[in-house]
Amino acid sequence: MKIIKHIFDGDFGCEETGSQKPTVSVTLTDEAGNESYVTVEDEWLTNNGLNIGDTWPEN
């Protein structure tokens, strides 16, 4: 099980990114304290109701 430790929004200001949707970098920690990182679309994170302290979905 991994927990969301930090969410970093790398899109600053109002820059256009073309056809790409805005993404965020998410820091995850497991039970042993090991950190891993994923990048996901901000919209996906919001649609799944995920925030700091929440359990990261395994699939």
PDB file of N, CA and C in Angstrom:
ATOM      1  N   MET A   1       0.837  -1.173   0.000  1.00  0.00           N
ATOM      2  CA  MET A   1       0.000   0.000   0.000  1.00  0.00           C
ATOM      3  C   MET A   1       0.887   1.242   0.000  1.00  0.00           C
ATOM      4  N   LYS A   2       0.546   2.187  -0.855  1.00  0.00           N
ATOM      5  CA  LYS A   2       1.301   3.438  -0.934  1.00  0.00           C
ATOM      6  C   LYS A   2       0.385   4.605  -0.605  1.00  0.00           C
ATOM      7  N   ILE A   3       0.958   5.602   0.050  1.00  0.00           N
ATOM      8  CA  ILE A   3       0.224   6.794   0.467  1.00  0.00           C
ATOM      9  C   ILE A   3       0.775   8.005  -0.287  1.00  0.00           C
ATOM     10  N   ILE A   4      -0.110   8.917  -0.669  1.00  0.00           N
ATOM     11  CA  ILE A   4       0.311  10.144  -1.342  1.00  0.00           C
ATOM     12  C   ILE A   4       0.943  11.078  -0.314  1.00  0.00           C
ATOM     13  N   LYS A   5       2.218  11.388  -0.537  1.00  0.00           N
ATOM     14  CA  LYS A   5       2.960  12.259   0.375  1.00  0.00           C
ATOM     15  C   LYS A   5       2.958  13.715  -0.109  1.00  0.00           C
ATOM     16  N   HIS A   6       3.075  13.900  -1.428  1.00  0.00           N
ATOM     17  CA  HIS A   6       3.191  15.249  -1.973  1.00  0.00           C
ATOM     18  C   HIS A   6       2.668  15.253  -3.402  1.00  0.00           C
ATOM     19  N   ILE A   7       2.022  16.353  -3.776  1.00  0.00           N
ATOM     20  CA  ILE A   7       1.567  16.547  -5.157  1.00  0.00           C
ATOM     21  C   ILE A   7       2.193  17.844  -5.642  1.00  0.00           C
ATOM     22  N   PHE A   8       2.941  17.757  -6.742  1.00  0.00           N
ATOM     23  CA  PHE A   8       3.632  18.918  -7.286  1.00  0.00           C
ATOM     24  C   PHE A   8       3.046  19.263  -8.645  1.00  0.00           C
ATOM     25  N   ASP A   9       2.511  20.464  -8.741  1.00  0.00           N
ATOM     26  CA  ASP A   9       1.962  20.956  -9.997  1.00  0.00           C
ATOM     27  C   ASP A   9       3.075  21.666 -10.746  1.00  0.00           C
ATOM     28  N   GLY A  10       3.569  21.053 -11.792  1.00  0.00           N
ATOM     29  CA  GLY A  10       4.680  21.621 -12.543  1.00  0.00           C
ATOM     30  C   GLY A  10       4.285  22.635 -13.581  1.00  0.00           C
ATOM     31  N   ASP A  11       2.973  22.786 -13.836  1.00  0.00           N
ATOM     32  CA  ASP A  11       2.510  23.753 -14.833  1.00  0.00           C
ATOM     33  C   ASP A  11       2.274  25.091 -14.155  1.00  0.00           C
ATOM     34  N   PHE A  12       3.190  26.015 -14.368  1.00  0.00           N
ATOM     35  CA  PHE A  12       3.076  27.329 -13.754  1.00  0.00           C
ATOM     36  C   PHE A  12       2.404  28.297 -14.705  1.00  0.00           C
ATOM     37  N   GLY A  13       1.625  29.210 -14.160  1.00  0.00           N
ATOM     38  CA  GLY A  13       0.999  30.239 -14.973  1.00  0.00           C
ATOM     39  C   GLY A  13      -0.056  29.674 -15.898  1.00  0.00           C
ATOM     40  N   CYS A  14      -0.201  30.326 -17.025  1.00  0.00           N
ATOM     41  CA  CYS A  14      -1.259  29.953 -17.963  1.00  0.00           C
ATOM     42  C   CYS A  14      -0.672  29.501 -19.287  1.00  0.00           C
ATOM     43  N   GLU A  15       0.488  28.890 -19.255  1.00  0.00           N
ATOM     44  CA  GLU A  15       1.101  28.467 -20.498  1.00  0.00           C
ATOM     45  C   GLU A  15       0.236  27.412 -21.185  1.00  0.00           C
ATOM     46  N   GLU A  16       0.170  27.502 -22.488  1.00  0.00           N
ATOM     47  CA  GLU A  16      -0.517  26.477 -23.264  1.00  0.00           C
ATOM     48  C   GLU A  16       0.441  25.308 -23.462  1.00  0.00           C
ATOM     49  N   THR A  17      -0.062  24.099 -23.263  1.00  0.00           N
ATOM     50  CA  THR A  17       0.783  22.918 -23.451  1.00  0.00           C
ATOM     51  C   THR A  17       0.376  22.161 -24.709  1.00  0.00           C
ATOM     52  N   GLY A  18      -0.286  22.853 -25.632  1.00  0.00           N
ATOM     53  CA  GLY A  18      -0.725  22.179 -26.837  1.00  0.00           C
ATOM     54  C   GLY A  18      -1.935  21.309 -26.539  1.00  0.00           C
ATOM     55  N   SER A  19      -1.931  20.096 -27.061  1.00  0.00           N
ATOM     56  CA  SER A  19      -3.068  19.202 -26.864  1.00  0.00           C
ATOM     57  C   SER A  19      -2.936  18.378 -25.586  1.00  0.00           C
ATOM     58  N   GLN A  20      -1.805  18.498 -24.902  1.00  0.00           N
ATOM     59  CA  GLN A  20      -1.606  17.726 -23.679  1.00  0.00           C
ATOM     60  C   GLN A  20      -2.413  18.313 -22.538  1.00  0.00           C
ATOM     61  N   LYS A  21      -2.941  17.426 -21.698  1.00  0.00           N
ATOM     62  CA  LYS A  21      -3.634  17.869 -20.494  1.00  0.00           C
ATOM     63  C   LYS A  21      -2.586  18.147 -19.422  1.00  0.00           C
ATOM     64  N   PRO A  22      -2.884  19.077 -18.506  1.00  0.00           N
ATOM     65  CA  PRO A  22      -1.934  19.379 -17.427  1.00  0.00           C
ATOM     66  C   PRO A  22      -1.652  18.135 -16.579  1.00  0.00           C
ATOM     67  N   THR A  23      -0.392  17.967 -16.191  1.00  0.00           N
ATOM     68  CA  THR A  23       0.000  16.829 -15.371  1.00  0.00           C
ATOM     69  C   THR A  23       0.573  17.296 -14.042  1.00  0.00           C
ATOM     70  N   VAL A  24       0.600  16.390 -13.083  1.00  0.00           N
ATOM     71  CA  VAL A  24       1.199  16.638 -11.781  1.00  0.00           C
ATOM     72  C   VAL A  24       2.124  15.485 -11.457  1.00  0.00           C
ATOM     73  N   SER A  25       3.147  15.762 -10.647  1.00  0.00           N
ATOM     74  CA  SER A  25       4.038  14.721 -10.146  1.00  0.00           C
ATOM     75  C   SER A  25       3.592  14.382  -8.729  1.00  0.00           C
ATOM     76  N   VAL A  26       3.482  13.091  -8.451  1.00  0.00           N
ATOM     77  CA  VAL A  26       2.992  12.637  -7.157  1.00  0.00           C
ATOM     78  C   VAL A  26       4.095  11.824  -6.473  1.00  0.00           C
ATOM     79  N   THR A  27       4.413  12.189  -5.233  1.00  0.00           N
ATOM     80  CA  THR A  27       5.358  11.435  -4.419  1.00  0.00           C
ATOM     81  C   THR A  27       4.563  10.464  -3.565  1.00  0.00           C
ATOM     82  N   LEU A  28       4.944   9.182  -3.642  1.00  0.00           N
ATOM     83  CA  LEU A  28       4.274   8.132  -2.878  1.00  0.00           C
ATOM     84  C   LEU A  28       5.246   7.535  -1.879  1.00  0.00           C
ATOM     85  N   THR A  29       4.739   7.105  -0.724  1.00  0.00           N
ATOM     86  CA  THR A  29       5.572   6.392   0.245  1.00  0.00           C
ATOM     87  C   THR A  29       4.892   5.077   0.587  1.00  0.00           C
ATOM     88  N   ASP A  30       5.725   4.021   0.754  1.00  0.00           N
ATOM     89  CA  ASP A  30       5.176   2.722   1.149  1.00  0.00           C
ATOM     90  C   ASP A  30       5.356   2.525   2.654  1.00  0.00           C
ATOM     91  N   GLU A  31       4.966   1.336   3.136  1.00  0.00           N
ATOM     92  CA  GLU A  31       5.008   1.061   4.575  1.00  0.00           C
ATOM     93  C   GLU A  31       6.416   1.157   5.157  1.00  0.00           C
ATOM     94  N   ALA A  32       7.443   0.898   4.338  1.00  0.00           N
ATOM     95  CA  ALA A  32       8.833   0.936   4.796  1.00  0.00           C
ATOM     96  C   ALA A  32       9.440   2.338   4.698  1.00  0.00           C
ATOM     97  N   GLY A  33       8.660   3.296   4.188  1.00  0.00           N
ATOM     98  CA  GLY A  33       9.168   4.660   4.050  1.00  0.00           C
ATOM     99  C   GLY A  33       9.860   4.927   2.732  1.00  0.00           C
ATOM    100  N   ASN A  34       9.863   3.945   1.822  1.00  0.00           N
ATOM    101  CA  ASN A  34      10.469   4.134   0.508  1.00  0.00           C
ATOM    102  C   ASN A  34       9.591   5.055  -0.330  1.00  0.00           C
ATOM    103  N   GLU A  35      10.228   5.966  -1.050  1.00  0.00           N
ATOM    104  CA  GLU A  35       9.499   6.892  -1.901  1.00  0.00           C
ATOM    105  C   GLU A  35       9.568   6.466  -3.357  1.00  0.00           C
ATOM    106  N   SER A  36       8.483   6.714  -4.077  1.00  0.00           N
ATOM    107  CA  SER A  36       8.446   6.531  -5.522  1.00  0.00           C
ATOM    108  C   SER A  36       7.671   7.708  -6.097  1.00  0.00           C
ATOM    109  N   TYR A  37       7.774   7.875  -7.407  1.00  0.00           N
ATOM    110  CA  TYR A  37       7.190   9.039  -8.055  1.00  0.00           C
ATOM    111  C   TYR A  37       6.423   8.609  -9.288  1.00  0.00           C
ATOM    112  N   VAL A  38       5.268   9.237  -9.505  1.00  0.00           N
ATOM    113  CA  VAL A  38       4.483   9.004 -10.715  1.00  0.00           C
ATOM    114  C   VAL A  38       4.031  10.355 -11.248  1.00  0.00           C
ATOM    115  N   THR A  39       3.792  10.401 -12.540  1.00  0.00           N
ATOM    116  CA  THR A  39       3.222  11.583 -13.168  1.00  0.00           C
ATOM    117  C   THR A  39       1.884  11.180 -13.760  1.00  0.00           C
ATOM    118  N   VAL A  40       0.854  11.924 -13.410  1.00  0.00           N
ATOM    119  CA  VAL A  40      -0.489  11.632 -13.896  1.00  0.00           C
ATOM    120  C   VAL A  40      -1.157  12.929 -14.322  1.00  0.00           C
ATOM    121  N   GLU A  41      -2.220  12.802 -15.105  1.00  0.00           N
ATOM    122  CA  GLU A  41      -2.984  13.979 -15.485  1.00  0.00           C
ATOM    123  C   GLU A  41      -3.693  14.525 -14.259  1.00  0.00           C
ATOM    124  N   ASP A  42      -3.650  15.829 -14.094  1.00  0.00           N
ATOM    125  CA  ASP A  42      -4.301  16.487 -12.970  1.00  0.00           C
ATOM    126  C   ASP A  42      -5.792  16.146 -12.933  1.00  0.00           C
ATOM    127  N   GLU A  43      -6.414  16.086 -14.096  1.00  0.00           N
ATOM    128  CA  GLU A  43      -7.836  15.768 -14.182  1.00  0.00           C
ATOM    129  C   GLU A  43      -8.130  14.369 -13.620  1.00  0.00           C
ATOM    130  N   TRP A  44      -7.256  13.396 -13.902  1.00  0.00           N
ATOM    131  CA  TRP A  44      -7.436  12.034 -13.384  1.00  0.00           C
ATOM    132  C   TRP A  44      -7.380  12.039 -11.861  1.00  0.00           C
ATOM    133  N   LEU A  45      -6.404  12.762 -11.311  1.00  0.00           N
ATOM    134  CA  LEU A  45      -6.251  12.842  -9.853  1.00  0.00           C
ATOM    135  C   LEU A  45      -7.516  13.434  -9.222  1.00  0.00           C
ATOM    136  N   THR A  46      -8.018  14.514  -9.805  1.00  0.00           N
ATOM    137  CA  THR A  46      -9.224  15.171  -9.294  1.00  0.00           C
ATOM    138  C   THR A  46     -10.446  14.277  -9.441  1.00  0.00           C
ATOM    139  N   ASN A  47     -10.602  13.655 -10.610  1.00  0.00           N
ATOM    140  CA  ASN A  47     -11.759  12.783 -10.849  1.00  0.00           C
ATOM    141  C   ASN A  47     -11.799  11.602  -9.897  1.00  0.00           C
ATOM    142  N   ASN A  48     -10.645  11.154  -9.427  1.00  0.00           N
ATOM    143  CA  ASN A  48     -10.575  10.035  -8.488  1.00  0.00           C
ATOM    144  C   ASN A  48     -10.584  10.501  -7.031  1.00  0.00           C
ATOM    145  N   GLY A  49     -10.688  11.806  -6.823  1.00  0.00           N
ATOM    146  CA  GLY A  49     -10.781  12.364  -5.476  1.00  0.00           C
ATOM    147  C   GLY A  49      -9.545  12.122  -4.626  1.00  0.00           C
ATOM    148  N   LEU A  50      -8.371  12.050  -5.262  1.00  0.00           N
ATOM    149  CA  LEU A  50      -7.136  11.754  -4.539  1.00  0.00           C
ATOM    150  C   LEU A  50      -6.435  13.025  -4.094  1.00  0.00           C
ATOM    151  N   ASN A  51      -5.907  12.976  -2.859  1.00  0.00           N
ATOM    152  CA  ASN A  51      -5.198  14.113  -2.296  1.00  0.00           C
ATOM    153  C   ASN A  51      -4.109  13.603  -1.359  1.00  0.00           C
ATOM    154  N   ILE A  52      -3.327  14.493  -0.828  1.00  0.00           N
ATOM    155  CA  ILE A  52      -2.250  14.134   0.112  1.00  0.00           C
ATOM    156  C   ILE A  52      -2.843  13.368   1.274  1.00  0.00           C
ATOM    157  N   GLY A  53      -2.189  12.246   1.638  1.00  0.00           N
ATOM    158  CA  GLY A  53      -2.636  11.400   2.728  1.00  0.00           C
ATOM    159  C   GLY A  53      -3.523  10.242   2.305  1.00  0.00           C
ATOM    160  N   ASP A  54      -3.992  10.273   1.057  1.00  0.00           N
ATOM    161  CA  ASP A  54      -4.851   9.197   0.558  1.00  0.00           C
ATOM    162  C   ASP A  54      -4.031   8.005   0.092  1.00  0.00           C
ATOM    163  N   THR A  55      -4.668   6.847   0.066  1.00  0.00           N
ATOM    164  CA  THR A  55      -4.043   5.620  -0.443  1.00  0.00           C
ATOM    165  C   THR A  55      -4.057   5.669  -1.969  1.00  0.00           C
ATOM    166  N   TRP A  56      -2.918   5.354  -2.583  1.00  0.00           N
ATOM    167  CA  TRP A  56      -2.789   5.336  -4.037  1.00  0.00           C
ATOM    168  C   TRP A  56      -3.425   4.060  -4.571  1.00  0.00           C
ATOM    169  N   PRO A  57      -4.285   4.168  -5.602  1.00  0.00           N
ATOM    170  CA  PRO A  57      -4.892   2.968  -6.177  1.00  0.00           C
ATOM    171  C   PRO A  57      -3.828   2.095  -6.847  1.00  0.00           C
ATOM    172  N   GLU A  58      -3.905   0.806  -6.642  1.00  0.00           N
ATOM    173  CA  GLU A  58      -2.885  -0.124  -7.153  1.00  0.00           C
ATOM    174  C   GLU A  58      -2.998  -0.375  -8.652  1.00  0.00           C
ATOM    175  N   ASN A  59      -4.157  -0.167  -9.254  1.00  0.00           N
ATOM    176  CA  ASN A  59      -4.289  -0.475 -10.693  1.00  0.00           C
ATOM    177  C   ASN A  59      -4.185   0.725 -11.545  1.00  0.00           C
TER     178      ASN A  59
END
